[in-house]
Amino acid sequence: MTEPDYSLAKIRVLEFDDSVRERPGMYFGVGRDDPRLATRVLCAVVGHAFHPATIVAASHTPDVVAEINADLIFSVTDDQADVLTGRGMPKLGYHGSLLTSERWSSAAAAAVSSQTTVEVWRHGHGFRQRLVGLRPVEPPAEFSAPAGAGTRVAFVLDPAYFGSAAITTDIASLDVHGPDCTNTNGSGKVVIRDRRERSRPNEYRCA
């Protein structure tokens, strides 16, 4: 019986975004050829916004709004701004982007996107940055911030990667909690709006 070769020369170290693209099942629960992949990417981002890292907020306390604008285009906005320092400057994460490890699900979604726009704001300070994949194409730039605090990430999922996959139109079936969520009490809520049919947009609310 031949022993597997675990020599250093055979070990391949992947960057986070490369790992996501090669093994999407580790991040979204289904493989690249699964038609549910685009839907699972949306659910991962919404679910993580509603169940953020403990350093950001308690689960079920954020208010989250997801908007689906096309089969592979969506945005997720919440009322948490975890990437700004106390001085109002942006905290940078993956590859110098506004997506930090506290937003790893958004970073994973960016890795399979052809274009991503990140906006964060707090205390009157707002920063915006464009990414291709997970790689910034520009440093964060200030913009006129809305009131309060928040983070908005808009994704254009890569059509060359997703093929014929599309986000489901059955938005009431979307799972925003995941299998590990056992307590759904909290002050926050999730609103999902499907704007693909402009004359009759569809909305689903859950808590």
C-alpha atoms as a PDB file:
ATOM      1  CA  MET A   1       0.000   0.000   0.000  1.00  0.00           C
ATOM      2  CA  THR A   2       1.413   3.373  -0.991  1.00  0.00           C
ATOM      3  CA  GLU A   3       1.529   6.000   1.758  1.00  0.00           C
ATOM      4  CA  PRO A   4       0.186   9.461   0.875  1.00  0.00           C
ATOM      5  CA  ASP A   5       2.831  12.085   0.201  1.00  0.00           C
ATOM      6  CA  TYR A   6       2.579  14.873   2.795  1.00  0.00           C
ATOM      7  CA  SER A   7       5.931  16.413   1.951  1.00  0.00           C
ATOM      8  CA  LEU A   8       6.294  20.193   2.037  1.00  0.00           C
ATOM      9  CA  ALA A   9       6.660  20.297  -1.732  1.00  0.00           C
ATOM     10  CA  LYS A  10       3.143  18.847  -2.083  1.00  0.00           C
ATOM     11  CA  ILE A  11       1.480  21.314   0.297  1.00  0.00           C
ATOM     12  CA  ARG A  12      -0.388  24.138  -1.411  1.00  0.00           C
ATOM     13  CA  VAL A  13      -1.349  27.159   0.679  1.00  0.00           C
ATOM     14  CA  LEU A  14      -4.420  28.980  -0.616  1.00  0.00           C
ATOM     15  CA  GLU A  15      -5.381  32.572   0.013  1.00  0.00           C
ATOM     16  CA  PHE A  16      -8.862  32.935   1.550  1.00  0.00           C
ATOM     17  CA  ASP A  17     -10.499  33.985  -1.717  1.00  0.00           C
ATOM     18  CA  ASP A  18      -8.825  31.190  -3.678  1.00  0.00           C
ATOM     19  CA  SER A  19     -10.012  28.709  -1.057  1.00  0.00           C
ATOM     20  CA  VAL A  20     -13.611  29.923  -1.378  1.00  0.00           C
ATOM     21  CA  ARG A  21     -13.601  29.599  -5.161  1.00  0.00           C
ATOM     22  CA  GLU A  22     -12.067  26.117  -5.078  1.00  0.00           C
ATOM     23  CA  ARG A  23     -14.158  24.791  -2.169  1.00  0.00           C
ATOM     24  CA  PRO A  24     -17.441  26.737  -1.980  1.00  0.00           C
ATOM     25  CA  GLY A  25     -19.065  23.909  -0.056  1.00  0.00           C
ATOM     26  CA  MET A  26     -16.926  24.747   2.981  1.00  0.00           C
ATOM     27  CA  TYR A  27     -18.436  28.258   3.073  1.00  0.00           C
ATOM     28  CA  PHE A  28     -21.899  27.931   1.565  1.00  0.00           C
ATOM     29  CA  GLY A  29     -22.798  24.289   2.103  1.00  0.00           C
ATOM     30  CA  VAL A  30     -23.110  23.298  -1.580  1.00  0.00           C
ATOM     31  CA  GLY A  31     -20.679  22.766  -4.431  1.00  0.00           C
ATOM     32  CA  ARG A  32     -20.035  24.926  -7.459  1.00  0.00           C
ATOM     33  CA  ASP A  33     -22.237  22.845  -9.759  1.00  0.00           C
ATOM     34  CA  ASP A  34     -25.229  22.964  -7.389  1.00  0.00           C
ATOM     35  CA  PRO A  35     -28.033  25.227  -8.715  1.00  0.00           C
ATOM     36  CA  ARG A  36     -28.699  26.378  -5.127  1.00  0.00           C
ATOM     37  CA  LEU A  37     -25.263  27.995  -4.791  1.00  0.00           C
ATOM     38  CA  ALA A  38     -26.323  31.591  -5.528  1.00  0.00           C
ATOM     39  CA  THR A  39     -29.186  31.278  -3.031  1.00  0.00           C
ATOM     40  CA  ARG A  40     -26.853  29.851  -0.400  1.00  0.00           C
ATOM     41  CA  VAL A  41     -24.436  32.751  -0.882  1.00  0.00           C
ATOM     42  CA  LEU A  42     -27.260  35.210  -0.209  1.00  0.00           C
ATOM     43  CA  CYS A  43     -28.384  33.236   2.858  1.00  0.00           C
ATOM     44  CA  ALA A  44     -24.825  33.105   4.206  1.00  0.00           C
ATOM     45  CA  VAL A  45     -24.414  36.880   4.037  1.00  0.00           C
ATOM     46  CA  VAL A  46     -27.860  37.646   5.465  1.00  0.00           C
ATOM     47  CA  GLY A  47     -27.522  34.990   8.161  1.00  0.00           C
ATOM     48  CA  HIS A  48     -24.141  36.284   9.290  1.00  0.00           C
ATOM     49  CA  ALA A  49     -25.400  39.873   9.375  1.00  0.00           C
ATOM     50  CA  PHE A  50     -28.242  38.691  11.650  1.00  0.00           C
ATOM     51  CA  HIS A  51     -25.885  36.484  13.713  1.00  0.00           C
ATOM     52  CA  PRO A  52     -22.725  38.635  13.712  1.00  0.00           C
ATOM     53  CA  ALA A  53     -19.430  38.088  15.477  1.00  0.00           C
ATOM     54  CA  THR A  54     -19.884  38.713  19.204  1.00  0.00           C
ATOM     55  CA  ILE A  55     -17.517  41.684  19.004  1.00  0.00           C
ATOM     56  CA  VAL A  56     -20.010  43.347  16.636  1.00  0.00           C
ATOM     57  CA  ALA A  57     -23.417  42.674  18.228  1.00  0.00           C
ATOM     58  CA  ALA A  58     -25.559  40.000  19.825  1.00  0.00           C
ATOM     59  CA  SER A  59     -27.415  37.607  17.522  1.00  0.00           C
ATOM     60  CA  HIS A  60     -30.901  38.695  16.409  1.00  0.00           C
ATOM     61  CA  THR A  61     -30.321  42.319  17.451  1.00  0.00           C
ATOM     62  CA  PRO A  62     -29.240  43.853  14.086  1.00  0.00           C
ATOM     63  CA  ASP A  63     -31.799  45.131  11.604  1.00  0.00           C
ATOM     64  CA  VAL A  64     -30.941  43.632   8.215  1.00  0.00           C
ATOM     65  CA  VAL A  65     -32.317  44.483   4.768  1.00  0.00           C
ATOM     66  CA  ALA A  66     -31.470  42.368   1.722  1.00  0.00           C
ATOM     67  CA  GLU A  67     -32.431  43.499  -1.773  1.00  0.00           C
ATOM     68  CA  ILE A  68     -32.301  41.181  -4.783  1.00  0.00           C
ATOM     69  CA  ASN A  69     -32.013  43.202  -7.994  1.00  0.00           C
ATOM     70  CA  ALA A  70     -31.252  40.419 -10.486  1.00  0.00           C
ATOM     71  CA  ASP A  71     -30.643  36.670 -10.452  1.00  0.00           C
ATOM     72  CA  LEU A  72     -26.998  37.191  -9.435  1.00  0.00           C
ATOM     73  CA  ILE A  73     -27.119  40.712  -7.961  1.00  0.00           C
ATOM     74  CA  PHE A  74     -28.019  41.562  -4.384  1.00  0.00           C
ATOM     75  CA  SER A  75     -27.110  43.826  -1.489  1.00  0.00           C
ATOM     76  CA  VAL A  76     -27.260  43.387   2.280  1.00  0.00           C
ATOM     77  CA  THR A  77     -27.461  46.340   4.687  1.00  0.00           C
ATOM     78  CA  ASP A  78     -27.385  46.215   8.479  1.00  0.00           C
ATOM     79  CA  ASP A  79     -27.167  48.771  11.268  1.00  0.00           C
ATOM     80  CA  GLN A  80     -23.732  47.710  12.555  1.00  0.00           C
ATOM     81  CA  ALA A  81     -20.445  49.410  11.591  1.00  0.00           C
ATOM     82  CA  ASP A  82     -17.746  47.128  12.943  1.00  0.00           C
ATOM     83  CA  VAL A  83     -15.009  48.296  10.579  1.00  0.00           C
ATOM     84  CA  LEU A  84     -14.592  51.846  11.887  1.00  0.00           C
ATOM     85  CA  THR A  85     -12.165  52.667  14.670  1.00  0.00           C
ATOM     86  CA  GLY A  86     -12.983  55.031  17.491  1.00  0.00           C
ATOM     87  CA  ARG A  87     -11.385  57.866  15.510  1.00  0.00           C
ATOM     88  CA  GLY A  88     -13.777  57.286  12.647  1.00  0.00           C
ATOM     89  CA  MET A  89     -11.117  55.755  10.373  1.00  0.00           C
ATOM     90  CA  PRO A  90     -11.705  52.478   8.547  1.00  0.00           C
ATOM     91  CA  LYS A  91     -10.373  49.228   9.909  1.00  0.00           C
ATOM     92  CA  LEU A  92      -9.011  47.205   6.997  1.00  0.00           C
ATOM     93  CA  GLY A  93      -9.195  43.458   6.534  1.00  0.00           C
ATOM     94  CA  TYR A  94      -8.703  40.985   3.677  1.00  0.00           C
ATOM     95  CA  HIS A  95      -6.158  42.353   1.160  1.00  0.00           C
ATOM     96  CA  GLY A  96      -6.607  45.849   2.568  1.00  0.00           C
ATOM     97  CA  SER A  97     -10.372  45.827   2.013  1.00  0.00           C
ATOM     98  CA  LEU A  98     -13.177  47.069   4.244  1.00  0.00           C
ATOM     99  CA  LEU A  99     -14.221  43.428   4.744  1.00  0.00           C
ATOM    100  CA  THR A 100     -12.597  42.196   7.950  1.00  0.00           C
ATOM    101  CA  SER A 101     -12.656  38.743   9.525  1.00  0.00           C
ATOM    102  CA  GLU A 102     -15.778  39.837  11.430  1.00  0.00           C
ATOM    103  CA  ARG A 103     -17.444  39.892   7.990  1.00  0.00           C
ATOM    104  CA  TRP A 104     -15.976  36.656   6.692  1.00  0.00           C
ATOM    105  CA  SER A 105     -19.242  35.559   5.012  1.00  0.00           C
ATOM    106  CA  SER A 106     -19.395  38.819   3.052  1.00  0.00           C
ATOM    107  CA  ALA A 107     -15.713  38.329   2.192  1.00  0.00           C
ATOM    108  CA  ALA A 108     -16.481  34.803   0.976  1.00  0.00           C
ATOM    109  CA  ALA A 109     -19.334  36.134  -1.164  1.00  0.00           C
ATOM    110  CA  ALA A 110     -17.019  38.812  -2.571  1.00  0.00           C
ATOM    111  CA  ALA A 111     -14.548  36.084  -3.532  1.00  0.00           C
ATOM    112  CA  VAL A 112     -17.128  34.620  -5.939  1.00  0.00           C
ATOM    113  CA  SER A 113     -18.291  38.020  -7.217  1.00  0.00           C
ATOM    114  CA  SER A 114     -17.132  39.944 -10.257  1.00  0.00           C
ATOM    115  CA  GLN A 115     -17.770  43.211  -8.437  1.00  0.00           C
ATOM    116  CA  THR A 116     -18.474  44.200  -4.838  1.00  0.00           C
ATOM    117  CA  THR A 117     -19.075  47.606  -3.272  1.00  0.00           C
ATOM    118  CA  VAL A 118     -18.639  48.034   0.487  1.00  0.00           C
ATOM    119  CA  GLU A 119     -19.958  51.018   2.448  1.00  0.00           C
ATOM    120  CA  VAL A 120     -19.575  51.585   6.202  1.00  0.00           C
ATOM    121  CA  TRP A 121     -20.584  54.567   8.303  1.00  0.00           C
ATOM    122  CA  ARG A 122     -20.739  55.718  11.913  1.00  0.00           C
ATOM    123  CA  HIS A 123     -20.729  59.043  13.782  1.00  0.00           C
ATOM    124  CA  GLY A 124     -20.981  60.999  10.547  1.00  0.00           C
ATOM    125  CA  HIS A 125     -17.983  59.260   8.945  1.00  0.00           C
ATOM    126  CA  GLY A 126     -18.582  57.082   5.887  1.00  0.00           C
ATOM    127  CA  PHE A 127     -16.239  55.083   3.679  1.00  0.00           C
ATOM    128  CA  ARG A 128     -16.853  53.310   0.372  1.00  0.00           C
ATOM    129  CA  GLN A 129     -14.643  50.853  -1.536  1.00  0.00           C
ATOM    130  CA  ARG A 130     -14.967  48.808  -4.743  1.00  0.00           C
ATOM    131  CA  LEU A 131     -13.582  45.290  -5.039  1.00  0.00           C
ATOM    132  CA  VAL A 132     -13.076  42.844  -7.885  1.00  0.00           C
ATOM    133  CA  GLY A 133     -13.325  39.476  -6.275  1.00  0.00           C
ATOM    134  CA  LEU A 134     -11.982  40.154  -2.792  1.00  0.00           C
ATOM    135  CA  ARG A 135      -9.245  42.451  -4.089  1.00  0.00           C
ATOM    136  CA  PRO A 136      -9.703  46.225  -3.752  1.00  0.00           C
ATOM    137  CA  VAL A 137      -9.425  48.276  -6.913  1.00  0.00           C
ATOM    138  CA  GLU A 138      -9.123  51.462  -4.866  1.00  0.00           C
ATOM    139  CA  PRO A 139      -8.502  52.510  -1.251  1.00  0.00           C
ATOM    140  CA  PRO A 140     -11.525  53.402   0.896  1.00  0.00           C
ATOM    141  CA  ALA A 141     -12.899  56.826  -0.018  1.00  0.00           C
ATOM    142  CA  GLU A 142     -15.030  59.029   2.207  1.00  0.00           C
ATOM    143  CA  PHE A 143     -18.643  59.660   1.266  1.00  0.00           C
ATOM    144  CA  SER A 144     -21.513  61.581   2.820  1.00  0.00           C
ATOM    145  CA  ALA A 145     -22.672  59.220   5.545  1.00  0.00           C
ATOM    146  CA  PRO A 146     -26.322  58.558   6.404  1.00  0.00           C
ATOM    147  CA  ALA A 147     -27.497  59.001   9.970  1.00  0.00           C
ATOM    148  CA  GLY A 148     -26.606  56.381  12.546  1.00  0.00           C
ATOM    149  CA  ALA A 149     -24.330  53.442  11.826  1.00  0.00           C
ATOM    150  CA  GLY A 150     -24.367  50.725   9.247  1.00  0.00           C
ATOM    151  CA  THR A 151     -22.704  48.500   6.688  1.00  0.00           C
ATOM    152  CA  ARG A 152     -23.926  47.856   3.159  1.00  0.00           C
ATOM    153  CA  VAL A 153     -22.318  45.335   0.826  1.00  0.00           C
ATOM    154  CA  ALA A 154     -23.546  45.052  -2.766  1.00  0.00           C
ATOM    155  CA  PHE A 155     -22.546  41.991  -4.791  1.00  0.00           C
ATOM    156  CA  VAL A 156     -22.545  41.130  -8.478  1.00  0.00           C
ATOM    157  CA  LEU A 157     -21.969  37.376  -8.387  1.00  0.00           C
ATOM    158  CA  ASP A 158     -19.595  36.234 -11.133  1.00  0.00           C
ATOM    159  CA  PRO A 159     -21.704  34.786 -13.983  1.00  0.00           C
ATOM    160  CA  ALA A 160     -18.687  32.906 -15.318  1.00  0.00           C
ATOM    161  CA  TYR A 161     -18.437  31.113 -11.964  1.00  0.00           C
ATOM    162  CA  PHE A 162     -22.154  30.518 -11.294  1.00  0.00           C
ATOM    163  CA  GLY A 163     -23.253  29.537 -14.787  1.00  0.00           C
ATOM    164  CA  SER A 164     -27.046  29.080 -14.873  1.00  0.00           C
ATOM    165  CA  ALA A 165     -27.479  29.280 -11.079  1.00  0.00           C
ATOM    166  CA  ALA A 166     -29.806  32.024  -9.820  1.00  0.00           C
ATOM    167  CA  ILE A 167     -31.129  33.278  -6.506  1.00  0.00           C
ATOM    168  CA  THR A 168     -34.482  31.636  -5.817  1.00  0.00           C
ATOM    169  CA  THR A 169     -37.688  33.608  -6.288  1.00  0.00           C
ATOM    170  CA  ASP A 170     -39.231  31.758  -3.319  1.00  0.00           C
ATOM    171  CA  ILE A 171     -37.822  34.249  -0.805  1.00  0.00           C
ATOM    172  CA  ALA A 172     -40.132  33.068   1.986  1.00  0.00           C
ATOM    173  CA  SER A 173     -38.194  29.791   1.990  1.00  0.00           C
ATOM    174  CA  LEU A 174     -34.824  31.444   2.674  1.00  0.00           C
ATOM    175  CA  ASP A 175     -33.101  30.344   5.871  1.00  0.00           C
ATOM    176  CA  VAL A 176     -31.678  33.362   7.720  1.00  0.00           C
ATOM    177  CA  HIS A 177     -30.854  31.427  10.893  1.00  0.00           C
ATOM    178  CA  GLY A 178     -28.976  28.275   9.938  1.00  0.00           C
ATOM    179  CA  PRO A 179     -28.889  24.888  11.679  1.00  0.00           C
ATOM    180  CA  ASP A 180     -26.904  26.105  14.686  1.00  0.00           C
ATOM    181  CA  CYS A 181     -29.394  28.790  15.730  1.00  0.00           C
ATOM    182  CA  THR A 182     -31.533  27.594  18.633  1.00  0.00           C
ATOM    183  CA  ASN A 183     -32.734  30.898  20.136  1.00  0.00           C
ATOM    184  CA  THR A 184     -34.530  33.307  17.829  1.00  0.00           C
ATOM    185  CA  ASN A 185     -35.361  35.940  20.455  1.00  0.00           C
ATOM    186  CA  GLY A 186     -34.053  39.444  19.823  1.00  0.00           C
ATOM    187  CA  SER A 187     -34.967  42.973  18.887  1.00  0.00           C
ATOM    188  CA  GLY A 188     -33.707  42.789  15.315  1.00  0.00           C
ATOM    189  CA  LYS A 189     -35.409  41.770  12.097  1.00  0.00           C
ATOM    190  CA  VAL A 190     -34.634  40.715   8.553  1.00  0.00           C
ATOM    191  CA  VAL A 191     -36.393  42.155   5.522  1.00  0.00           C
ATOM    192  CA  ILE A 192     -35.763  40.565   2.113  1.00  0.00           C
ATOM    193  CA  ARG A 193     -37.002  42.387  -0.969  1.00  0.00           C
ATOM    194  CA  ASP A 194     -37.048  40.832  -4.422  1.00  0.00           C
ATOM    195  CA  ARG A 195     -36.995  43.668  -6.972  1.00  0.00           C
ATOM    196  CA  ARG A 196     -36.579  41.523 -10.073  1.00  0.00           C
ATOM    197  CA  GLU A 197     -40.193  42.086 -11.113  1.00  0.00           C
ATOM    198  CA  ARG A 198     -40.270  45.873 -10.998  1.00  0.00           C
ATOM    199  CA  SER A 199     -44.022  46.185 -11.339  1.00  0.00           C
ATOM    200  CA  ARG A 200     -44.652  43.867  -8.383  1.00  0.00           C
ATOM    201  CA  PRO A 201     -41.757  43.696  -5.910  1.00  0.00           C
ATOM    202  CA  ASN A 202     -41.939  40.897  -3.380  1.00  0.00           C
ATOM    203  CA  GLU A 203     -41.066  41.331   0.310  1.00  0.00           C
ATOM    204  CA  TYR A 204     -40.523  38.851   3.141  1.00  0.00           C
ATOM    205  CA  ARG A 205     -39.991  39.744   6.804  1.00  0.00           C
ATOM    206  CA  CYS A 206     -38.737  37.497   9.574  1.00  0.00           C
ATOM    207  CA  ALA A 207     -37.271  37.814  13.063  1.00  0.00           C
END
